[in-house]
Amino acid sequence: MTETDLVNSILLEFGARPDLRIWRQNTGAARTSRGALVRFGIPGQADISGILSGGRRIEIECKTKTGRQTKEQKAWQAMIERFGGLYVLARSVEDVRRALA
């Protein structure tokens, strides 16, 4: 399963839960029709962000079985956890299910 497949599977599985709101977060860059480079997102942010019922933030970073977090992703994880958020390093839908249990 690719990371994109995993992101989509997680959004489908958990996107309709009444106790959770999640959305895709993209990072990267694109060129406008005039050639200007526009960057979007924050380096290291997770693939999926959201809010748990009660207001707690959730961040889900999707990785394949062999995928590794970058130093920016590890820093993002540390920041989310330092402020009381839930950070999930998901290699499967089941990883998210366990984290939310």
Protein backbone atom coordinates (compact mmCIF):
# COMPACT_ATOMS: atom_id res chain seq x y z
CA MET A 1 0.00 0.00 0.00
CA THR A 2 1.37 3.44 -0.91
CA GLU A 3 1.27 6.39 1.47
CA THR A 4 -1.42 7.99 -0.72
CA ASP A 5 -3.51 4.81 -0.48
CA LEU A 6 -3.10 4.82 3.29
CA VAL A 7 -4.08 8.49 3.59
CA ASN A 8 -7.21 7.85 1.52
CA SER A 9 -8.10 4.71 3.51
CA ILE A 10 -7.79 6.59 6.81
CA LEU A 11 -9.89 9.51 5.55
CA LEU A 12 -12.59 7.09 4.37
CA GLU A 13 -12.53 4.98 7.53
CA PHE A 14 -12.60 7.82 10.07
CA GLY A 15 -13.89 10.83 8.15
CA ALA A 16 -17.55 10.28 9.04
CA ARG A 17 -17.10 9.66 12.76
CA PRO A 18 -19.21 12.08 14.81
CA ASP A 19 -16.50 12.45 17.47
CA LEU A 20 -13.72 13.41 15.05
CA ARG A 21 -13.04 15.86 12.23
CA ILE A 22 -10.05 15.15 9.99
CA TRP A 23 -8.71 16.61 6.76
CA ARG A 24 -5.80 16.17 4.37
CA GLN A 25 -2.87 18.56 4.68
CA ASN A 26 -0.60 18.95 1.69
CA THR A 27 2.86 20.43 1.63
CA GLY A 28 4.93 21.28 -1.38
CA ALA A 29 5.32 23.84 -4.10
CA ALA A 30 3.74 24.70 -7.43
CA ARG A 31 4.35 27.16 -10.21
CA THR A 32 1.68 29.63 -11.24
CA SER A 33 0.83 30.21 -14.88
CA ARG A 34 3.27 33.14 -14.76
CA GLY A 35 6.07 30.98 -13.43
CA ALA A 36 6.07 32.16 -9.82
CA LEU A 37 6.89 29.49 -7.24
CA VAL A 38 4.28 29.21 -4.49
CA ARG A 39 5.01 27.06 -1.43
CA PHE A 40 2.22 25.67 0.71
CA GLY A 41 2.01 23.85 4.00
CA ILE A 42 4.57 23.72 6.78
CA PRO A 43 7.60 21.42 6.43
CA GLY A 44 7.11 18.43 8.72
CA GLN A 45 3.37 18.77 9.21
CA ALA A 46 1.46 15.50 9.22
CA ASP A 47 -0.50 14.18 6.25
CA ILE A 48 -3.81 14.37 8.12
CA SER A 49 -4.86 16.86 10.78
CA GLY A 50 -8.00 17.12 12.83
CA ILE A 51 -9.84 17.71 16.06
CA LEU A 52 -11.12 15.14 18.51
CA SER A 53 -14.33 15.72 20.43
CA GLY A 54 -13.39 17.90 23.39
CA GLY A 55 -10.99 20.00 21.31
CA ARG A 56 -7.83 17.89 21.37
CA ARG A 57 -5.79 18.07 18.18
CA ILE A 58 -4.90 14.93 16.24
CA GLU A 59 -2.15 14.62 13.64
CA ILE A 60 -1.67 11.47 11.56
CA GLU A 61 1.55 10.90 9.62
CA CYS A 62 1.18 8.10 7.06
CA LYS A 63 4.15 5.93 6.20
CA THR A 64 4.66 2.69 4.33
CA LYS A 65 6.10 -0.26 6.21
CA THR A 66 9.62 0.97 5.42
CA GLY A 67 8.96 4.72 5.34
CA ARG A 68 10.90 6.92 7.78
CA GLN A 69 10.05 10.24 9.36
CA THR A 70 12.17 13.23 8.39
CA LYS A 71 13.77 15.37 11.09
CA GLU A 72 11.09 18.00 10.39
CA GLN A 73 8.34 15.41 10.91
CA LYS A 74 9.91 14.31 14.20
CA ALA A 75 10.04 17.94 15.33
CA TRP A 76 6.37 18.38 14.37
CA GLN A 77 5.48 15.27 16.38
CA ALA A 78 7.37 16.58 19.41
CA MET A 79 5.57 19.94 19.20
CA ILE A 80 2.10 18.35 18.91
CA GLU A 81 2.78 16.03 21.85
CA ARG A 82 4.31 18.83 23.95
CA PHE A 83 1.04 20.77 23.62
CA GLY A 84 -1.11 17.75 24.51
CA GLY A 85 -2.15 16.68 21.02
CA LEU A 86 -2.38 13.12 19.75
CA TYR A 87 0.20 12.24 17.10
CA VAL A 88 -0.17 8.94 15.25
CA LEU A 89 2.55 7.46 13.07
CA ALA A 90 0.29 5.27 10.95
CA ARG A 91 1.52 2.40 8.84
CA SER A 92 -2.01 0.95 8.66
CA VAL A 93 -5.63 1.90 9.33
CA GLU A 94 -5.39 -0.34 12.38
CA ASP A 95 -2.68 1.92 13.88
CA VAL A 96 -5.18 4.80 13.88
CA ARG A 97 -7.95 2.59 15.25
CA ARG A 98 -5.68 1.57 18.16
CA ALA A 99 -4.65 5.18 18.87
CA LEU A 100 -8.29 6.29 19.03
CA ALA A 101 -9.42 3.40 21.25
